[in-house]
């Protein structure tokens, strides 16, 4: 089983590679994913798969990470080439191995 940081990085790699099965593999059965902007949250491994399928083909670069017990915070840049860039903060709560809760927020970079 992955450690919290490994699980979070695997999820992000799966998101970038558009690999829903890989993302779901590091999530708990009852994972909750909160979408920014008041959209309904996604639940369960099927919700993780759906996030990967519906996520636009942005370029995501993690620039720093912070670990606080079983919570991992990844910060970086998300951009749509030629359009916009956002500083993004992803927060992954885990049970020590699998991801149980995901939130993310954007802040304009330009």
C-alpha atoms as a PDB file:
ATOM      1  CA  UNK A   1       0.000   0.000   0.000  1.00  0.00           C
ATOM      2  CA  UNK A   2       1.270   3.492  -0.791  1.00  0.00           C
ATOM      3  CA  UNK A   3       2.322   6.077   1.752  1.00  0.00           C
ATOM      4  CA  UNK A   4       0.267   9.321   1.778  1.00  0.00           C
ATOM      5  CA  UNK A   5       2.707  11.314  -0.406  1.00  0.00           C
ATOM      6  CA  UNK A   6       3.092   8.454  -2.861  1.00  0.00           C
ATOM      7  CA  UNK A   7      -0.705   8.080  -3.099  1.00  0.00           C
ATOM      8  CA  UNK A   8      -1.160  11.811  -3.787  1.00  0.00           C
ATOM      9  CA  UNK A   9       1.586  11.888  -6.431  1.00  0.00           C
ATOM     10  CA  UNK A  10       0.202   8.745  -8.065  1.00  0.00           C
ATOM     11  CA  UNK A  11      -3.248  10.374  -8.222  1.00  0.00           C
ATOM     12  CA  UNK A  12      -1.785  13.497  -9.843  1.00  0.00           C
ATOM     13  CA  UNK A  13       0.255  11.431 -12.320  1.00  0.00           C
ATOM     14  CA  UNK A  14      -2.903   9.488 -13.214  1.00  0.00           C
ATOM     15  CA  UNK A  15      -4.804  12.748 -13.707  1.00  0.00           C
ATOM     16  CA  UNK A  16      -2.095  14.044 -16.035  1.00  0.00           C
ATOM     17  CA  UNK A  17      -1.955  10.728 -17.934  1.00  0.00           C
ATOM     18  CA  UNK A  18      -5.774  10.533 -18.029  1.00  0.00           C
ATOM     19  CA  UNK A  19      -5.654   7.085 -16.377  1.00  0.00           C
ATOM     20  CA  UNK A  20      -8.846   6.703 -14.296  1.00  0.00           C
ATOM     21  CA  UNK A  21      -8.027   3.204 -13.047  1.00  0.00           C
ATOM     22  CA  UNK A  22      -4.667   4.279 -11.668  1.00  0.00           C
ATOM     23  CA  UNK A  23      -6.267   7.226  -9.856  1.00  0.00           C
ATOM     24  CA  UNK A  24      -8.986   5.021  -8.359  1.00  0.00           C
ATOM     25  CA  UNK A  25      -6.402   2.452  -7.211  1.00  0.00           C
ATOM     26  CA  UNK A  26      -4.952   4.869  -4.622  1.00  0.00           C
ATOM     27  CA  UNK A  27      -8.383   5.938  -3.314  1.00  0.00           C
ATOM     28  CA  UNK A  28     -10.443   4.428  -0.526  1.00  0.00           C
ATOM     29  CA  UNK A  29     -13.797   2.905  -1.486  1.00  0.00           C
ATOM     30  CA  UNK A  30     -15.624   5.882   0.048  1.00  0.00           C
ATOM     31  CA  UNK A  31     -13.327   8.708  -1.141  1.00  0.00           C
ATOM     32  CA  UNK A  32     -14.964  12.115  -1.380  1.00  0.00           C
ATOM     33  CA  UNK A  33     -13.768  14.647  -3.947  1.00  0.00           C
ATOM     34  CA  UNK A  34     -14.908  18.256  -3.543  1.00  0.00           C
ATOM     35  CA  UNK A  35     -15.003  20.232  -6.766  1.00  0.00           C
ATOM     36  CA  UNK A  36     -14.337  23.986  -6.692  1.00  0.00           C
ATOM     37  CA  UNK A  37     -17.074  26.407  -7.621  1.00  0.00           C
ATOM     38  CA  UNK A  38     -19.927  24.730  -5.806  1.00  0.00           C
ATOM     39  CA  UNK A  39     -20.250  21.814  -8.209  1.00  0.00           C
ATOM     40  CA  UNK A  40     -21.528  18.596  -6.652  1.00  0.00           C
ATOM     41  CA  UNK A  41     -18.863  16.492  -5.022  1.00  0.00           C
ATOM     42  CA  UNK A  42     -17.796  13.156  -6.461  1.00  0.00           C
ATOM     43  CA  UNK A  43     -17.886  10.067  -4.289  1.00  0.00           C
ATOM     44  CA  UNK A  44     -16.239   6.673  -4.264  1.00  0.00           C
ATOM     45  CA  UNK A  45     -13.704   5.210  -6.637  1.00  0.00           C
ATOM     46  CA  UNK A  46     -16.164   5.773  -9.482  1.00  0.00           C
ATOM     47  CA  UNK A  47     -16.072   9.462  -8.564  1.00  0.00           C
ATOM     48  CA  UNK A  48     -12.265   9.443  -8.816  1.00  0.00           C
ATOM     49  CA  UNK A  49     -12.524   7.795 -12.222  1.00  0.00           C
ATOM     50  CA  UNK A  50     -15.087  10.381 -13.314  1.00  0.00           C
ATOM     51  CA  UNK A  51     -12.852  13.268 -12.227  1.00  0.00           C
ATOM     52  CA  UNK A  52     -10.045  11.949 -14.413  1.00  0.00           C
ATOM     53  CA  UNK A  53     -12.409  11.513 -17.350  1.00  0.00           C
ATOM     54  CA  UNK A  54     -13.960  14.998 -17.098  1.00  0.00           C
ATOM     55  CA  UNK A  55     -10.795  16.948 -16.223  1.00  0.00           C
ATOM     56  CA  UNK A  56      -9.642  19.174 -19.086  1.00  0.00           C
ATOM     57  CA  UNK A  57      -6.275  18.365 -20.614  1.00  0.00           C
ATOM     58  CA  UNK A  58      -4.359  20.935 -18.610  1.00  0.00           C
ATOM     59  CA  UNK A  59      -0.673  20.797 -17.866  1.00  0.00           C
ATOM     60  CA  UNK A  60      -0.217  20.346 -14.108  1.00  0.00           C
ATOM     61  CA  UNK A  61       3.127  20.877 -12.405  1.00  0.00           C
ATOM     62  CA  UNK A  62       3.562  20.201  -8.706  1.00  0.00           C
ATOM     63  CA  UNK A  63       6.211  22.531  -7.333  1.00  0.00           C
ATOM     64  CA  UNK A  64       6.070  21.801  -3.611  1.00  0.00           C
ATOM     65  CA  UNK A  65       4.511  19.449  -1.137  1.00  0.00           C
ATOM     66  CA  UNK A  66       3.727  19.516   2.556  1.00  0.00           C
ATOM     67  CA  UNK A  67       2.934  16.513   4.739  1.00  0.00           C
ATOM     68  CA  UNK A  68       0.975  16.907   7.961  1.00  0.00           C
ATOM     69  CA  UNK A  69       0.445  13.453   9.439  1.00  0.00           C
ATOM     70  CA  UNK A  70      -1.765  11.627   6.958  1.00  0.00           C
ATOM     71  CA  UNK A  71      -2.646  14.774   4.971  1.00  0.00           C
ATOM     72  CA  UNK A  72      -0.667  15.823   1.906  1.00  0.00           C
ATOM     73  CA  UNK A  73      -0.836  19.269   0.328  1.00  0.00           C
ATOM     74  CA  UNK A  74       0.527  19.690  -3.193  1.00  0.00           C
ATOM     75  CA  UNK A  75       1.003  23.161  -4.668  1.00  0.00           C
ATOM     76  CA  UNK A  76       1.835  23.975  -8.214  1.00  0.00           C
ATOM     77  CA  UNK A  77       0.756  25.439 -11.504  1.00  0.00           C
ATOM     78  CA  UNK A  78      -2.138  24.336 -13.691  1.00  0.00           C
ATOM     79  CA  UNK A  79      -2.279  25.840 -17.140  1.00  0.00           C
ATOM     80  CA  UNK A  80      -4.056  25.624 -20.436  1.00  0.00           C
ATOM     81  CA  UNK A  81      -1.324  26.540 -22.928  1.00  0.00           C
ATOM     82  CA  UNK A  82      -2.039  29.863 -24.591  1.00  0.00           C
ATOM     83  CA  UNK A  83      -5.040  30.600 -22.375  1.00  0.00           C
ATOM     84  CA  UNK A  84      -4.487  30.893 -18.627  1.00  0.00           C
ATOM     85  CA  UNK A  85      -2.481  29.695 -15.678  1.00  0.00           C
ATOM     86  CA  UNK A  86      -3.564  29.094 -12.086  1.00  0.00           C
ATOM     87  CA  UNK A  87      -1.726  28.369  -8.898  1.00  0.00           C
ATOM     88  CA  UNK A  88      -3.388  25.224  -7.636  1.00  0.00           C
ATOM     89  CA  UNK A  89      -3.484  23.739  -4.154  1.00  0.00           C
ATOM     90  CA  UNK A  90      -4.531  20.102  -3.845  1.00  0.00           C
ATOM     91  CA  UNK A  91      -5.236  18.652  -0.398  1.00  0.00           C
ATOM     92  CA  UNK A  92      -5.321  14.876  -0.017  1.00  0.00           C
ATOM     93  CA  UNK A  93      -6.516  13.416   3.261  1.00  0.00           C
ATOM     94  CA  UNK A  94      -5.616   9.756   3.663  1.00  0.00           C
ATOM     95  CA  UNK A  95      -6.114   6.922   6.092  1.00  0.00           C
ATOM     96  CA  UNK A  96      -2.330   6.595   6.107  1.00  0.00           C
ATOM     97  CA  UNK A  97      -2.303   4.788   2.777  1.00  0.00           C
ATOM     98  CA  UNK A  98      -5.358   5.413   0.614  1.00  0.00           C
ATOM     99  CA  UNK A  99      -6.896   8.780  -0.248  1.00  0.00           C
ATOM    100  CA  UNK A 100     -10.154   9.440   1.617  1.00  0.00           C
ATOM    101  CA  UNK A 101     -10.858  13.104   0.770  1.00  0.00           C
ATOM    102  CA  UNK A 102      -9.660  15.470  -1.962  1.00  0.00           C
ATOM    103  CA  UNK A 103     -10.094  19.216  -2.323  1.00  0.00           C
ATOM    104  CA  UNK A 104      -8.466  21.618  -4.735  1.00  0.00           C
ATOM    105  CA  UNK A 105      -8.529  25.351  -5.300  1.00  0.00           C
ATOM    106  CA  UNK A 106      -7.221  27.705  -7.966  1.00  0.00           C
ATOM    107  CA  UNK A 107      -5.800  31.196  -7.754  1.00  0.00           C
ATOM    108  CA  UNK A 108      -5.051  33.129 -10.968  1.00  0.00           C
ATOM    109  CA  UNK A 109      -1.382  33.299 -11.902  1.00  0.00           C
ATOM    110  CA  UNK A 110      -1.729  35.920 -14.633  1.00  0.00           C
END
